[in-house]
Amino acid sequence: MRLQRIKLRAQAHEIEQRYGVRAVDVAKATQIANTLLIAVKPQDIAGLLSPLVGPVAASHLVIPVSAVVPPRFIARQLGAA
């Protein structure tokens, strides 16, 4: 798990440098953005949604981009349906 976090941190830094964007964790994203684009592999969706339950409000626009995970599943997980 620790190696994965280091790898992700390195990837985030690379993305920040290459594209000039700010990489933040999901909890911080809900505080600074009104629109959340969810683009993860289906096996990673549960790990992403867990920290979003609560911080995501009705005012957020959540856009799922996954061919396998139906939007209604994400809405139920986040408490919107």
Protein backbone atom coordinates (compact mmCIF):
# COMPACT_ATOMS: atom_id res chain seq x y z
CA MET A 1 0.00 0.00 0.00
CA ARG A 2 2.76 2.47 0.86
CA LEU A 3 4.49 1.89 -2.48
CA GLN A 4 1.23 2.58 -4.25
CA ARG A 5 0.84 5.88 -2.43
CA ILE A 6 4.39 6.93 -3.31
CA LYS A 7 3.77 6.00 -6.93
CA LEU A 8 0.54 7.99 -7.00
CA ARG A 9 2.22 10.98 -5.38
CA ALA A 10 4.95 10.84 -8.03
CA GLN A 11 2.33 10.61 -10.77
CA ALA A 12 0.45 13.57 -9.30
CA HIS A 13 3.64 15.64 -9.24
CA GLU A 14 4.41 14.69 -12.84
CA ILE A 15 0.90 15.69 -13.95
CA GLU A 16 1.17 19.01 -12.11
CA GLN A 17 4.48 19.78 -13.80
CA ARG A 18 3.50 18.62 -17.27
CA TYR A 19 0.01 20.15 -17.50
CA GLY A 20 0.12 23.01 -15.01
CA VAL A 21 -2.79 21.71 -12.97
CA ARG A 22 -3.12 21.14 -9.24
CA ALA A 23 -3.43 17.56 -8.00
CA VAL A 24 -5.45 17.12 -4.80
CA ASP A 25 -7.03 14.23 -2.94
CA VAL A 26 -10.73 13.52 -3.36
CA ALA A 27 -11.77 15.20 -0.11
CA LYS A 28 -10.00 18.42 -1.08
CA ALA A 29 -11.49 18.23 -4.58
CA THR A 30 -15.01 18.38 -3.16
CA GLN A 31 -14.10 21.57 -1.28
CA ILE A 32 -12.64 23.45 -4.26
CA ALA A 33 -14.61 22.15 -7.25
CA ASN A 34 -18.29 22.14 -8.13
CA THR A 35 -17.82 19.54 -10.87
CA LEU A 36 -16.24 16.16 -10.19
CA LEU A 37 -15.18 13.93 -13.10
CA ILE A 38 -14.95 10.32 -11.95
CA ALA A 39 -12.68 8.40 -14.30
CA VAL A 40 -11.32 5.27 -12.65
CA LYS A 41 -11.13 1.59 -13.43
CA PRO A 42 -14.22 -0.31 -12.27
CA GLN A 43 -12.25 -2.19 -9.62
CA ASP A 44 -11.16 1.15 -8.09
CA ILE A 45 -14.58 2.81 -7.90
CA ALA A 46 -15.40 1.71 -4.33
CA GLY A 47 -12.12 3.11 -3.01
CA LEU A 48 -12.79 6.43 -4.70
CA LEU A 49 -16.43 6.76 -3.62
CA SER A 50 -15.86 5.96 0.07
CA PRO A 51 -14.18 9.28 0.93
CA LEU A 52 -16.72 11.16 -1.21
CA VAL A 53 -19.73 10.03 0.84
CA GLY A 54 -20.62 13.05 2.93
CA PRO A 55 -18.42 15.71 1.29
CA VAL A 56 -20.35 15.51 -2.01
CA ALA A 57 -23.36 17.79 -1.80
CA ALA A 58 -26.45 18.12 -3.98
CA SER A 59 -24.81 21.20 -5.52
CA HIS A 60 -21.96 19.12 -6.98
CA LEU A 61 -22.13 17.94 -10.58
CA VAL A 62 -20.70 14.40 -10.62
CA ILE A 63 -19.78 13.08 -14.07
CA PRO A 64 -18.91 9.38 -14.18
CA VAL A 65 -16.80 8.20 -17.11
CA SER A 66 -16.80 4.43 -16.91
CA ALA A 67 -18.16 1.96 -19.40
CA VAL A 68 -18.94 -0.62 -16.75
CA VAL A 69 -20.16 1.32 -13.70
CA PRO A 70 -23.68 2.73 -14.21
CA PRO A 71 -24.25 6.32 -13.06
CA ARG A 72 -27.16 5.19 -10.86
CA PHE A 73 -24.72 2.98 -8.86
CA ILE A 74 -22.54 6.01 -8.18
CA ALA A 75 -25.58 8.10 -7.24
CA ARG A 76 -26.74 5.44 -4.77
CA GLN A 77 -23.28 5.15 -3.23
CA LEU A 78 -23.13 8.91 -2.74
CA GLY A 79 -26.63 9.03 -1.27
CA ALA A 80 -28.26 10.89 -4.15
CA ALA A 81 -30.80 8.25 -5.12
